[in-house]
Amino acid sequence: MDSQAHPELTSTKLTSTELASTETSSTIVERDAADDDLANRGAKPEADAPRATSNRSTTPSSSTFADYISSNWADREETLPAPRESAAFAATRRARISAQYPGKRLIVPAGAAKVRSNDTDYPYRAHSAFAHLTGWGADSEPGAVLVLEPTGEGHEATLYFRERAGRDSDEFYANPEIGEFWIGPRPSLAQVESDLGLATEHLSAFQEVLASCDTDTVVVRDADPDTTRALDERRRRSASPATGDDPVREADDALARDLSELRLVKDEWEIQQMRLAVDATARGFDDVIADRPAIVAHPRGERLVEGTFNRRARADGNTVGYDTIAASGPHACILHWTRNDGAVREGDLILLDAGIELESYYTADITRTLPVSGTFTPVQRRVYEAVLDAADAAFAIVRPGIRFREIHAEAMRVIAERTAEWGLLPVSAEESLEADKQYHRRYMVHGTSHHLGMDVHDCAKARRELYLDGRLEEGMVFTIEPGLYFQPDDLSVPEEYRGIGVRIEDDILVTAGGAENLSVGIPRTADDVEAWMRNAG
């Protein structure tokens, strides 16, 4: 995926109190007796459910029904799993962040589900910092919170989440947000404790933590806005008189930065996840090429490309790591083309930028540009090989100790040289590369690399001196993705170039002696791509 950042989706969510307040008075009166009976039995009234829909609910609420539905269930056999492989690595990460915050309570929420429309949610994804510190990925529980409580020699970690409800509660059948009748079984505290190697508590106990928070509490602000607002109020009440600065916000921003920088160097388990994500993505690319006849025949062939790849993502992983870019013809010149509603025509190129995210949340990010007919035209091949030369030149300098920005500079050197050779620049390549010129950047405005891991643009909150100006270390994983994009209406280039967009993107691991291209097995040279197209099916 090209290295321009995507804005994150945000949404608001009504609290149970706000939802209840939308009920009419007649509705409330009609249910008072049933709610009182449920409350007396320790059950949770449906109106208090986080996503109650009482204006159209037909769920029975009588005590007779409640007694009946809570009876005649088989005993559950609770098996405690062995700790998952990621648990030990997550513990090491927690120890590292603990050492940076002695005496501070750290709160890392997973975040709530985000509303898509009315009472339907987007597929749930926990905050990456939470997943990184717990080892809990696609199977994590919405609303969970990790708390690192300071002790004399570090921190004690406790995971708070909403344990499954007993069959004597109405939650399991009347709560469409978290009830097992609606979303399936949920794990017990004991199961998660065994699985993740973390002490666990019911989410209700987290309220006691909130009540005791002061200015020595630091939170990942963007993970759960409701938790952050509650903490801000408590921390500011206990703070010293204002001095013009906001020490609470500054501490939170520092934690976000430090957690982001914690992911700059991947551990052994993370690197293995990256390899698996790349392997799955390679199979997705194979699937797309095998479906070429149907894709070309459909008036919205780009949608078939997207669907074919996404099918593999769901089969071999959790989902796609980002919206698939299936950009055919001139659409390939649009860096973030995700509408994917165009035709895929013989004679054009199609730029496929896609990656599969695993259950662990680690994702690949790979781009290949393919000739739809199976063979590059001479001008298409010329552009393609220039981009490949830029990618190879950038890869050739990767080793521990160089600065991250040098990768981009090396790719840009080749882009400037090729576009100057073709007579597209008003000056020489050397002059264009000067900081106050940059004519060649008209045809590649994005960056060449970004870190990769749990987020497709990983470690985004790291300090510039550790990211763009940082020195490479063994275990870093990032993309190399130069491109050339000649817009269909760009009069600065000859007509034969117009409408051609090419990007080649690979996932790179820094090794002790240099680098490894994790995605090198996906055909890259023009000849290999043409053979790939011929032999598919």
Protein backbone atom coordinates (compact mmCIF):
# COMPACT_ATOMS: atom_id res chain seq x y z
CA MET A 1 0.00 0.00 0.00
CA ASP A 2 1.44 3.35 -0.89
CA SER A 3 2.76 5.24 2.07
CA GLN A 4 0.16 8.02 2.30
CA ALA A 5 -1.80 7.51 5.52
CA HIS A 6 -5.48 6.61 5.57
CA PRO A 7 -7.76 8.44 8.06
CA GLU A 8 -9.17 6.02 10.62
CA LEU A 9 -12.87 5.37 10.87
CA THR A 10 -14.44 6.88 13.95
CA SER A 11 -17.98 6.65 15.19
CA THR A 12 -20.03 7.49 18.24
CA LYS A 13 -22.00 5.07 20.32
CA LEU A 14 -24.98 5.65 22.57
CA THR A 15 -24.54 4.64 26.17
CA SER A 16 -27.12 2.37 27.77
CA THR A 17 -28.51 5.37 29.64
CA GLU A 18 -28.92 7.36 26.43
CA LEU A 19 -30.58 4.42 24.73
CA ALA A 20 -32.96 3.94 27.60
CA SER A 21 -33.87 7.63 27.49
CA THR A 22 -35.15 7.22 23.94
CA GLU A 23 -37.97 4.95 25.11
CA THR A 24 -41.48 6.33 25.37
CA SER A 25 -43.04 6.56 28.80
CA SER A 26 -45.66 3.97 27.88
CA THR A 27 -42.96 1.48 26.96
CA ILE A 28 -41.25 1.97 30.30
CA VAL A 29 -44.49 1.57 32.24
CA GLU A 30 -45.40 -1.63 30.42
CA ARG A 31 -42.05 -3.20 31.34
CA ASP A 32 -41.62 -1.96 34.91
CA ALA A 33 -42.98 -5.08 36.56
CA ALA A 34 -40.98 -7.47 34.41
CA ASP A 35 -37.81 -5.44 34.90
CA ASP A 36 -38.26 -5.40 38.67
CA ASP A 37 -38.63 -9.15 38.69
CA LEU A 38 -35.49 -9.62 36.58
CA ALA A 39 -33.53 -7.24 38.76
CA ASN A 40 -34.57 -9.13 41.88
CA ARG A 41 -33.25 -12.34 40.33
CA GLY A 42 -29.90 -10.69 39.56
CA ALA A 43 -30.61 -10.40 35.86
CA LYS A 44 -29.90 -7.33 33.74
CA PRO A 45 -32.99 -5.60 32.30
CA GLU A 46 -32.96 -5.45 28.55
CA ALA A 47 -33.26 -1.65 28.60
CA ASP A 48 -29.86 -1.50 30.29
CA ALA A 49 -28.20 -3.55 27.56
CA PRO A 50 -25.49 -1.60 25.76
CA ARG A 51 -27.32 -1.85 22.42
CA ALA A 52 -30.95 -2.19 23.53
CA THR A 53 -33.58 -1.67 20.83
CA SER A 54 -36.73 -1.50 22.91
CA ASN A 55 -38.65 0.51 20.33
CA ARG A 56 -38.91 -2.58 18.14
CA SER A 57 -37.96 -5.44 20.44
CA THR A 58 -40.29 -8.44 20.69
CA THR A 59 -38.13 -10.43 23.11
CA PRO A 60 -40.41 -11.81 25.85
CA SER A 61 -39.77 -10.19 29.23
CA SER A 62 -42.13 -12.01 31.57
CA SER A 63 -40.80 -13.85 34.60
CA THR A 64 -42.37 -17.06 33.26
CA PHE A 65 -40.35 -16.82 30.07
CA ALA A 66 -37.20 -15.86 31.97
CA ASP A 67 -37.52 -18.92 34.21
CA TYR A 68 -38.20 -21.19 31.25
CA ILE A 69 -35.34 -20.04 29.04
CA SER A 70 -32.86 -20.29 31.92
CA SER A 71 -33.65 -23.97 32.53
CA ASN A 72 -32.74 -27.30 30.89
CA TRP A 73 -29.29 -26.41 29.61
CA ALA A 74 -26.48 -28.96 29.53
CA ASP A 75 -23.55 -28.37 31.86
CA ARG A 76 -20.67 -26.65 30.20
CA GLU A 77 -17.36 -28.45 30.18
CA GLU A 78 -14.71 -25.79 30.68
CA THR A 79 -11.34 -26.79 29.25
CA LEU A 80 -8.41 -24.55 30.07
CA PRO A 81 -6.18 -24.06 27.03
CA ALA A 82 -2.41 -24.16 27.13
CA PRO A 83 -0.84 -20.71 26.79
CA ARG A 84 -0.74 -19.60 23.19
CA GLU A 85 2.66 -19.16 21.56
CA SER A 86 2.40 -15.37 21.56
CA ALA A 87 1.83 -15.16 25.34
CA ALA A 88 5.50 -15.23 26.32
CA PHE A 89 6.40 -12.62 23.71
CA ALA A 90 3.57 -10.36 24.89
CA ALA A 91 4.86 -10.67 28.46
CA THR A 92 8.29 -9.48 27.32
CA ARG A 93 6.71 -6.48 25.59
CA ARG A 94 4.81 -5.61 28.77
CA ALA A 95 8.05 -5.78 30.74
CA ARG A 96 9.70 -3.39 28.31
CA ILE A 97 6.97 -0.75 28.56
CA SER A 98 6.80 -1.28 32.32
CA ALA A 99 10.46 -0.34 32.65
CA GLN A 100 9.73 2.99 30.93
CA TYR A 101 6.94 3.95 33.34
CA PRO A 102 7.97 3.19 36.93
CA GLY A 103 5.27 4.14 39.43
CA LYS A 104 2.69 4.89 36.74
CA ARG A 105 -0.55 3.00 36.22
CA LEU A 106 -0.95 2.19 32.52
CA ILE A 107 -4.39 1.64 30.99
CA VAL A 108 -4.60 0.13 27.51
CA PRO A 109 -8.19 -0.45 26.33
CA ALA A 110 -9.09 -2.78 23.48
CA GLY A 111 -11.87 -0.38 22.49
CA ALA A 112 -15.56 -0.87 21.85
CA ALA A 113 -17.16 -2.06 18.64
CA LYS A 114 -17.76 0.79 16.18
CA VAL A 115 -21.26 1.39 14.91
CA ARG A 116 -21.74 1.04 11.18
CA SER A 117 -25.43 1.85 11.02
CA ASN A 118 -28.04 1.88 13.78
CA ASP A 119 -27.53 -1.38 15.69
CA THR A 120 -25.06 -2.96 13.26
CA ASP A 121 -21.31 -2.75 13.87
CA TYR A 122 -18.21 -2.85 11.76
CA PRO A 123 -16.29 -6.12 12.19
CA TYR A 124 -14.52 -5.75 15.51
CA ARG A 125 -10.80 -5.07 15.71
CA ALA A 126 -9.05 -4.41 19.01
CA HIS A 127 -6.62 -1.51 19.28
CA SER A 128 -3.19 -2.58 18.05
CA ALA A 129 -1.39 -1.54 21.25
CA PHE A 130 -3.77 -3.72 23.26
CA ALA A 131 -3.25 -6.69 20.95
CA HIS A 132 0.52 -6.22 20.99
CA LEU A 133 0.70 -6.24 24.80
CA THR A 134 -1.74 -9.11 25.36
CA GLY A 135 -1.27 -11.42 22.39
CA TRP A 136 -5.06 -11.30 21.94
CA GLY A 137 -5.92 -10.75 18.29
CA ALA A 138 -9.05 -11.45 16.28
CA ASP A 139 -10.59 -13.44 19.16
CA SER A 140 -10.33 -10.54 21.64
CA GLU A 141 -13.41 -9.33 23.49
CA PRO A 142 -14.80 -5.85 22.73
CA GLY A 143 -14.50 -3.48 25.67
CA ALA A 144 -11.62 -5.34 27.33
CA VAL A 145 -9.00 -3.30 29.19
CA LEU A 146 -5.40 -4.12 30.09
CA VAL A 147 -4.18 -2.44 33.27
CA LEU A 148 -0.53 -2.40 34.36
CA GLU A 149 -0.60 -1.61 38.08
CA PRO A 150 2.70 -0.30 39.51
CA THR A 151 4.41 -2.41 42.15
CA GLY A 152 7.71 -2.06 43.94
CA GLU A 153 9.63 -3.74 41.12
CA GLY A 154 7.57 -3.02 38.03
CA HIS A 155 3.93 -3.66 37.22
CA GLU A 156 1.30 -6.33 37.70
CA ALA A 157 -0.82 -6.87 34.60
CA THR A 158 -4.55 -7.57 34.81
CA LEU A 159 -6.94 -8.03 31.92
CA TYR A 160 -10.51 -6.86 32.53
CA PHE A 161 -13.25 -8.06 30.21
CA ARG A 162 -16.91 -8.96 30.23
CA GLU A 163 -17.09 -12.66 31.05
CA ARG A 164 -19.87 -14.73 29.53
CA ALA A 165 -23.19 -14.50 31.32
CA GLY A 166 -24.80 -17.41 33.07
CA ARG A 167 -28.01 -18.91 31.74
CA ASP A 168 -29.79 -17.41 34.77
CA SER A 169 -29.26 -13.94 33.29
CA ASP A 170 -31.26 -12.38 30.48
CA GLU A 171 -28.03 -11.09 28.93
CA PHE A 172 -27.34 -14.24 26.99
CA TYR A 173 -30.62 -14.12 25.06
CA ALA A 174 -31.83 -10.49 25.25
CA ASN A 175 -28.66 -8.49 24.65
CA PRO A 176 -27.92 -8.31 20.90
CA GLU A 177 -24.50 -6.73 21.41
CA ILE A 178 -22.93 -9.32 23.70
CA GLY A 179 -25.48 -12.10 24.22
CA GLU A 180 -24.43 -15.59 23.20
CA PHE A 181 -27.73 -16.19 21.40
CA TRP A 182 -26.70 -13.34 19.11
CA ILE A 183 -22.92 -13.53 18.75
CA GLY A 184 -21.99 -16.99 19.98
CA PRO A 185 -20.09 -18.32 23.01
CA ARG A 186 -17.68 -16.09 24.89
CA PRO A 187 -14.73 -17.25 26.98
CA SER A 188 -14.56 -17.41 30.75
CA LEU A 189 -12.09 -15.51 32.89
CA ALA A 190 -10.24 -18.73 33.68
CA GLN A 191 -9.94 -19.70 30.02
CA VAL A 192 -8.49 -16.36 28.99
CA GLU A 193 -6.15 -16.30 31.98
CA SER A 194 -4.77 -19.69 30.95
CA ASP A 195 -4.67 -18.79 27.25
CA LEU A 196 -2.83 -15.47 27.60
CA GLY A 197 -0.91 -16.04 30.83
CA LEU A 198 -2.54 -12.92 32.29
CA ALA A 199 -4.49 -12.36 35.49
CA THR A 200 -8.12 -11.62 34.63
CA GLU A 201 -11.02 -9.82 36.30
CA HIS A 202 -14.61 -9.14 35.30
CA LEU A 203 -15.02 -5.82 33.52
CA SER A 204 -17.22 -4.51 36.34
CA ALA A 205 -14.15 -4.50 38.62
CA PHE A 206 -12.50 -1.97 36.31
CA GLN A 207 -14.82 0.67 37.76
CA GLU A 208 -12.85 0.45 41.01
CA VAL A 209 -9.67 1.09 39.07
CA LEU A 210 -11.21 4.16 37.45
CA ALA A 211 -12.35 5.47 40.82
CA SER A 212 -8.80 5.40 42.17
CA CYS A 213 -7.11 7.03 39.18
CA ASP A 214 -5.06 10.21 39.59
CA THR A 215 -2.34 12.00 37.66
CA ASP A 216 -0.11 8.93 37.95
CA THR A 217 -2.44 7.11 35.54
CA VAL A 218 -1.67 7.11 31.82
CA VAL A 219 -4.03 5.85 29.10
CA VAL A 220 -3.96 5.07 25.38
CA ARG A 221 -6.30 7.92 24.51
CA ASP A 222 -7.63 6.91 21.12
CA ALA A 223 -8.54 3.34 22.06
CA ASP A 224 -11.76 4.05 23.98
CA PRO A 225 -13.06 7.64 24.09
CA ASP A 226 -15.50 6.92 26.94
CA THR A 227 -12.73 5.59 29.18
CA THR A 228 -10.49 8.50 28.25
CA ARG A 229 -13.15 11.08 29.11
CA ALA A 230 -13.79 9.48 32.48
CA LEU A 231 -10.08 9.40 33.26
CA ASP A 232 -9.52 12.98 32.13
CA GLU A 233 -12.13 14.23 34.57
CA ARG A 234 -10.68 12.32 37.51
CA ARG A 235 -7.07 13.11 36.74
CA ARG A 236 -7.65 16.80 36.27
CA ARG A 237 -9.56 17.04 39.53
CA SER A 238 -6.52 15.64 41.32
CA ALA A 239 -3.98 17.72 39.39
CA SER A 240 -2.14 20.77 40.66
CA PRO A 241 -3.47 24.20 39.61
CA ALA A 242 -3.15 24.74 35.87
CA THR A 243 0.17 26.11 34.64
CA GLY A 244 -0.81 26.49 31.00
CA ASP A 245 0.39 23.00 30.05
CA ASP A 246 -1.65 19.81 30.02
CA PRO A 247 0.52 17.21 31.80
CA VAL A 248 -2.22 14.58 31.52
CA ARG A 249 -2.42 14.85 27.75
CA GLU A 250 1.36 15.03 27.42
CA ALA A 251 1.78 11.81 29.39
CA ASP A 252 -0.85 10.04 27.29
CA ASP A 253 0.79 11.19 24.07
CA ALA A 254 4.14 9.91 25.34
CA LEU A 255 2.63 6.49 26.04
CA ALA A 256 1.16 6.31 22.53
CA ARG A 257 4.56 7.22 21.14
CA ASP A 258 6.41 4.67 23.27
CA LEU A 259 4.00 1.87 22.43
CA SER A 260 4.37 2.70 18.76
CA GLU A 261 8.17 2.65 19.02
CA LEU A 262 7.95 -0.67 20.86
CA ARG A 263 6.85 -2.20 17.56
CA LEU A 264 9.67 -0.82 15.43
CA VAL A 265 11.76 -3.97 15.91
CA LYS A 266 9.85 -7.23 15.54
CA ASP A 267 10.54 -10.25 17.72
CA GLU A 268 10.91 -13.80 16.47
CA TRP A 269 7.20 -14.59 16.73
CA GLU A 270 6.19 -11.40 14.91
CA ILE A 271 8.58 -12.12 12.05
CA GLN A 272 7.07 -15.57 11.65
CA GLN A 273 3.61 -13.99 11.51
CA MET A 274 4.81 -11.64 8.79
CA ARG A 275 6.08 -14.56 6.76
CA LEU A 276 2.73 -16.32 7.07
CA ALA A 277 0.85 -13.18 6.07
CA VAL A 278 3.03 -12.81 2.96
CA ASP A 279 2.48 -16.47 2.04
CA ALA A 280 -1.30 -16.09 2.31
CA THR A 281 -1.17 -12.91 0.25
CA ALA A 282 0.78 -14.70 -2.48
CA ARG A 283 -2.03 -17.25 -2.73
CA GLY A 284 -4.50 -14.38 -3.04
CA PHE A 285 -2.58 -12.96 -6.00
CA ASP A 286 -2.55 -16.41 -7.61
CA ASP A 287 -6.32 -16.63 -7.18
CA VAL A 288 -6.83 -13.29 -8.94
CA ILE A 289 -4.73 -14.29 -11.93
CA ALA A 290 -6.55 -17.62 -12.19
CA ASP A 291 -9.87 -15.74 -12.32
CA ARG A 292 -8.71 -13.46 -15.13
CA PRO A 293 -11.24 -14.65 -17.77
CA ALA A 294 -14.23 -13.93 -15.51
CA ILE A 295 -12.69 -10.65 -14.37
CA VAL A 296 -12.20 -9.38 -17.91
CA ALA A 297 -15.71 -10.46 -18.92
CA HIS A 298 -17.44 -8.55 -16.12
CA PRO A 299 -18.29 -4.84 -16.58
CA ARG A 300 -16.98 -4.18 -13.06
CA GLY A 301 -14.03 -6.51 -13.17
CA GLU A 302 -12.18 -4.57 -10.48
CA ARG A 303 -14.90 -5.68 -8.05
CA LEU A 304 -14.23 -9.31 -8.97
CA VAL A 305 -10.52 -8.79 -8.34
CA GLU A 306 -11.33 -7.38 -4.91
CA GLY A 307 -13.79 -10.17 -4.14
CA THR A 308 -11.47 -12.94 -5.25
CA PHE A 309 -8.63 -11.63 -3.12
CA ASN A 310 -10.87 -10.98 -0.13
CA ARG A 311 -12.17 -14.53 -0.33
CA ARG A 312 -8.63 -15.81 0.18
CA ALA A 313 -8.15 -13.33 3.04
CA ARG A 314 -11.16 -14.74 4.86
CA ALA A 315 -10.16 -18.33 4.10
CA ASP A 316 -6.50 -18.10 5.09
CA GLY A 317 -6.52 -15.19 7.53
CA ASN A 318 -8.74 -12.85 9.48
CA THR A 319 -9.53 -10.35 6.74
CA VAL A 320 -7.69 -7.94 4.46
CA GLY A 321 -5.18 -5.69 6.19
CA TYR A 322 -6.61 -2.64 4.39
CA ASP A 323 -9.07 -1.93 1.59
CA THR A 324 -7.84 -3.71 -1.52
CA ILE A 325 -6.72 -1.44 -4.36
CA ALA A 326 -7.71 -3.07 -7.67
CA ALA A 327 -6.87 -0.28 -10.11
CA SER A 328 -7.08 -1.08 -13.80
CA GLY A 329 -6.08 1.19 -16.66
CA PRO A 330 -6.00 4.90 -15.70
CA HIS A 331 -7.30 4.05 -12.23
CA ALA A 332 -3.77 2.82 -11.48
CA CYS A 333 -2.72 6.48 -11.44
CA ILE A 334 -5.01 7.11 -8.45
CA LEU A 335 -2.92 6.20 -5.42
CA HIS A 336 -5.78 5.14 -3.15
CA TRP A 337 -8.28 3.84 -5.67
CA THR A 338 -10.58 1.65 -3.56
CA ARG A 339 -13.92 2.14 -5.32
CA ASN A 340 -12.91 -0.74 -7.57
CA ASP A 341 -15.89 -0.34 -9.87
CA GLY A 342 -14.17 -0.20 -13.24
CA ALA A 343 -13.70 -2.66 -16.05
CA VAL A 344 -10.51 -4.68 -16.48
CA ARG A 345 -9.66 -4.47 -20.18
CA GLU A 346 -7.26 -6.37 -22.40
CA GLY A 347 -4.25 -4.23 -23.20
CA ASP A 348 -4.34 -2.31 -19.92
CA LEU A 349 -2.32 -2.78 -16.77
CA ILE A 350 -3.96 -3.55 -13.45
CA LEU A 351 -2.30 -2.46 -10.23
CA LEU A 352 -3.23 -4.75 -7.35
CA ASP A 353 -2.21 -3.47 -3.91
CA ALA A 354 -3.43 -5.95 -1.30
CA GLY A 355 -2.47 -7.73 1.90
CA ILE A 356 -3.92 -10.42 4.12
CA GLU A 357 -4.19 -9.85 7.86
CA LEU A 358 -3.87 -12.94 10.05
CA GLU A 359 -5.86 -13.73 13.21
CA SER A 360 -2.92 -12.19 15.09
CA TYR A 361 -3.52 -8.88 13.22
CA TYR A 362 -0.15 -8.99 11.44
CA THR A 363 -0.59 -8.04 7.81
CA ALA A 364 1.28 -8.14 4.54
CA ASP A 365 1.25 -5.20 2.10
CA ILE A 366 2.21 -6.12 -1.45
CA THR A 367 1.68 -4.54 -4.86
CA ARG A 368 2.08 -6.09 -8.27
CA THR A 369 1.23 -4.47 -11.61
CA LEU A 370 0.02 -6.97 -14.18
CA PRO A 371 -0.60 -6.80 -17.94
CA VAL A 372 -4.24 -7.84 -18.34
CA SER A 373 -3.59 -9.44 -21.72
CA GLY A 374 -0.62 -11.34 -20.29
CA THR A 375 2.07 -9.35 -22.12
CA PHE A 376 3.46 -5.86 -21.55
CA THR A 377 3.50 -3.43 -24.46
CA PRO A 378 6.92 -1.87 -25.12
CA VAL A 379 6.07 1.36 -23.29
CA GLN A 380 4.42 -0.51 -20.40
CA ARG A 381 7.52 -2.66 -20.03
CA ARG A 382 9.76 0.44 -20.14
CA VAL A 383 7.86 2.04 -17.26
CA TYR A 384 7.63 -1.25 -15.35
CA GLU A 385 11.34 -1.95 -15.55
CA ALA A 386 12.19 1.58 -14.41
CA VAL A 387 10.08 1.07 -11.28
CA LEU A 388 11.66 -2.35 -10.72
CA ASP A 389 15.13 -0.83 -11.04
CA ALA A 390 14.20 1.75 -8.40
CA ALA A 391 12.92 -0.96 -6.06
CA ASP A 392 16.00 -3.10 -6.54
CA ALA A 393 18.35 -0.17 -6.01
CA ALA A 394 16.62 0.74 -2.76
CA PHE A 395 16.70 -2.87 -1.54
CA ALA A 396 20.40 -3.18 -2.35
CA ILE A 397 21.42 -0.58 0.26
CA VAL A 398 19.31 -1.95 3.14
CA ARG A 399 21.39 -3.05 6.10
CA PRO A 400 21.56 -2.25 9.81
CA GLY A 401 22.91 1.22 10.49
CA ILE A 402 21.71 3.16 7.45
CA ARG A 403 19.02 5.79 7.93
CA PHE A 404 15.48 4.92 6.93
CA ARG A 405 15.25 7.98 4.69
CA GLU A 406 18.15 6.72 2.56
CA ILE A 407 15.91 4.01 1.09
CA HIS A 408 13.60 6.63 -0.37
CA ALA A 409 16.49 8.72 -1.63
CA GLU A 410 17.97 5.78 -3.50
CA ALA A 411 14.67 4.92 -5.18
CA MET A 412 14.16 8.56 -6.15
CA ARG A 413 17.60 8.70 -7.73
CA VAL A 414 16.56 6.00 -10.19
CA ILE A 415 13.16 7.56 -10.83
CA ALA A 416 14.84 10.90 -11.62
CA GLU A 417 17.37 9.24 -13.92
CA ARG A 418 14.77 7.31 -15.93
CA THR A 419 12.33 10.17 -16.33
CA ALA A 420 15.22 12.43 -17.41
CA GLU A 421 16.40 9.81 -19.94
CA TRP A 422 12.90 9.78 -21.44
CA GLY A 423 12.95 13.56 -21.83
CA LEU A 424 10.15 14.14 -19.32
CA LEU A 425 12.04 16.59 -17.08
CA PRO A 426 12.92 20.21 -17.88
CA VAL A 427 16.32 19.72 -16.18
CA SER A 428 18.87 16.95 -15.67
CA ALA A 429 18.31 14.18 -13.16
CA GLU A 430 21.02 15.65 -10.92
CA GLU A 431 19.36 19.07 -10.87
CA SER A 432 15.90 17.61 -10.37
CA LEU A 433 17.14 15.76 -7.28
CA GLU A 434 18.04 19.04 -5.60
CA ALA A 435 15.75 19.76 -2.66
CA ASP A 436 14.27 22.90 -4.22
CA LYS A 437 13.54 21.26 -7.59
CA GLN A 438 12.08 17.71 -7.47
CA TYR A 439 10.51 17.75 -10.93
CA HIS A 440 10.51 13.96 -11.07
CA ARG A 441 8.24 13.81 -8.00
CA ARG A 442 5.34 14.88 -10.25
CA TYR A 443 5.24 11.24 -11.30
CA MET A 444 5.70 9.74 -7.81
CA VAL A 445 4.44 11.98 -5.04
CA HIS A 446 4.32 9.35 -2.29
CA GLY A 447 7.05 7.96 -0.09
CA THR A 448 8.95 4.77 -0.84
CA SER A 449 8.69 2.97 2.50
CA HIS A 450 6.68 2.62 5.69
CA HIS A 451 7.00 0.28 8.63
CA LEU A 452 4.73 -2.75 8.58
CA GLY A 453 3.33 -5.10 11.21
CA MET A 454 0.06 -5.07 13.12
CA ASP A 455 -0.91 -1.91 11.25
CA VAL A 456 -0.33 -1.58 7.55
CA HIS A 457 1.34 1.76 8.37
CA ASP A 458 2.87 0.51 11.59
CA CYS A 459 4.59 2.55 14.30
CA ALA A 460 2.99 5.73 12.92
CA LYS A 461 3.31 7.63 16.22
CA ALA A 462 7.02 6.99 16.61
CA ARG A 463 9.29 10.01 16.80
CA ARG A 464 10.76 11.25 13.55
CA GLU A 465 14.27 10.67 14.86
CA LEU A 466 13.44 6.96 15.27
CA TYR A 467 11.35 6.59 12.11
CA LEU A 468 12.23 8.68 9.06
CA ASP A 469 15.59 9.77 10.49
CA GLY A 470 16.13 6.57 12.44
CA ARG A 471 18.79 3.97 11.78
CA LEU A 472 17.77 0.52 10.63
CA GLU A 473 18.02 -2.34 13.11
CA GLU A 474 17.87 -6.09 12.66
CA GLY A 475 14.23 -7.18 12.96
CA MET A 476 12.63 -4.12 11.38
CA VAL A 477 10.01 -4.85 8.72
CA PHE A 478 8.93 -2.26 6.15
CA THR A 479 7.85 -1.85 2.55
CA ILE A 480 9.78 -0.73 -0.49
CA GLU A 481 7.25 0.55 -3.04
CA PRO A 482 8.36 2.95 -5.75
CA GLY A 483 6.00 3.79 -8.58
CA LEU A 484 5.45 5.88 -11.67
CA TYR A 485 2.04 7.36 -12.43
CA PHE A 486 1.29 9.22 -15.62
CA GLN A 487 -2.16 10.74 -15.35
CA PRO A 488 -4.35 10.37 -18.46
CA ASP A 489 -4.56 14.15 -18.86
CA ASP A 490 -0.92 14.97 -18.08
CA LEU A 491 0.36 17.08 -20.96
CA SER A 492 3.92 17.02 -19.58
CA VAL A 493 4.42 13.51 -20.96
CA PRO A 494 4.03 12.03 -24.45
CA GLU A 495 0.62 10.52 -25.16
CA GLU A 496 1.96 6.96 -25.12
CA TYR A 497 2.69 7.27 -21.38
CA ARG A 498 -0.63 8.77 -20.36
CA GLY A 499 -2.88 6.54 -18.28
CA ILE A 500 -0.07 4.18 -17.24
CA GLY A 501 0.40 3.59 -13.53
CA VAL A 502 2.93 1.13 -12.12
CA ARG A 503 3.84 0.30 -8.53
CA ILE A 504 5.91 -2.61 -7.24
CA GLU A 505 5.82 -3.17 -3.50
CA ASP A 506 7.62 -5.73 -1.38
CA ASP A 507 7.87 -6.45 2.33
CA ILE A 508 11.44 -6.24 3.62
CA LEU A 509 13.04 -7.69 6.76
CA VAL A 510 16.31 -6.22 8.04
CA THR A 511 18.75 -9.00 8.88
CA ALA A 512 22.08 -8.98 10.68
CA GLY A 513 24.01 -8.71 7.43
CA GLY A 514 21.58 -6.92 5.15
CA ALA A 515 17.98 -7.59 4.24
CA GLU A 516 15.54 -10.27 3.11
CA ASN A 517 12.71 -9.62 0.67
CA LEU A 518 9.88 -11.59 2.28
CA SER A 519 7.74 -11.35 -0.86
CA VAL A 520 10.40 -12.13 -3.44
CA GLY A 521 8.58 -15.36 -4.28
CA ILE A 522 5.74 -13.38 -5.87
CA PRO A 523 6.93 -12.75 -9.47
CA ARG A 524 8.54 -9.32 -9.87
CA THR A 525 10.45 -9.08 -13.16
CA ALA A 526 8.54 -8.33 -16.34
CA ASP A 527 9.45 -11.72 -17.81
CA ASP A 528 8.42 -13.59 -14.66
CA VAL A 529 5.13 -11.68 -14.47
CA GLU A 530 4.30 -12.61 -18.06
CA ALA A 531 5.11 -16.27 -17.35
CA TRP A 532 2.93 -16.09 -14.23
CA MET A 533 0.03 -14.82 -16.32
CA ARG A 534 0.53 -17.53 -18.95
CA ASN A 535 0.72 -20.40 -16.47
CA ALA A 536 -2.16 -19.41 -14.20
CA GLY A 537 -5.27 -21.48 -13.93
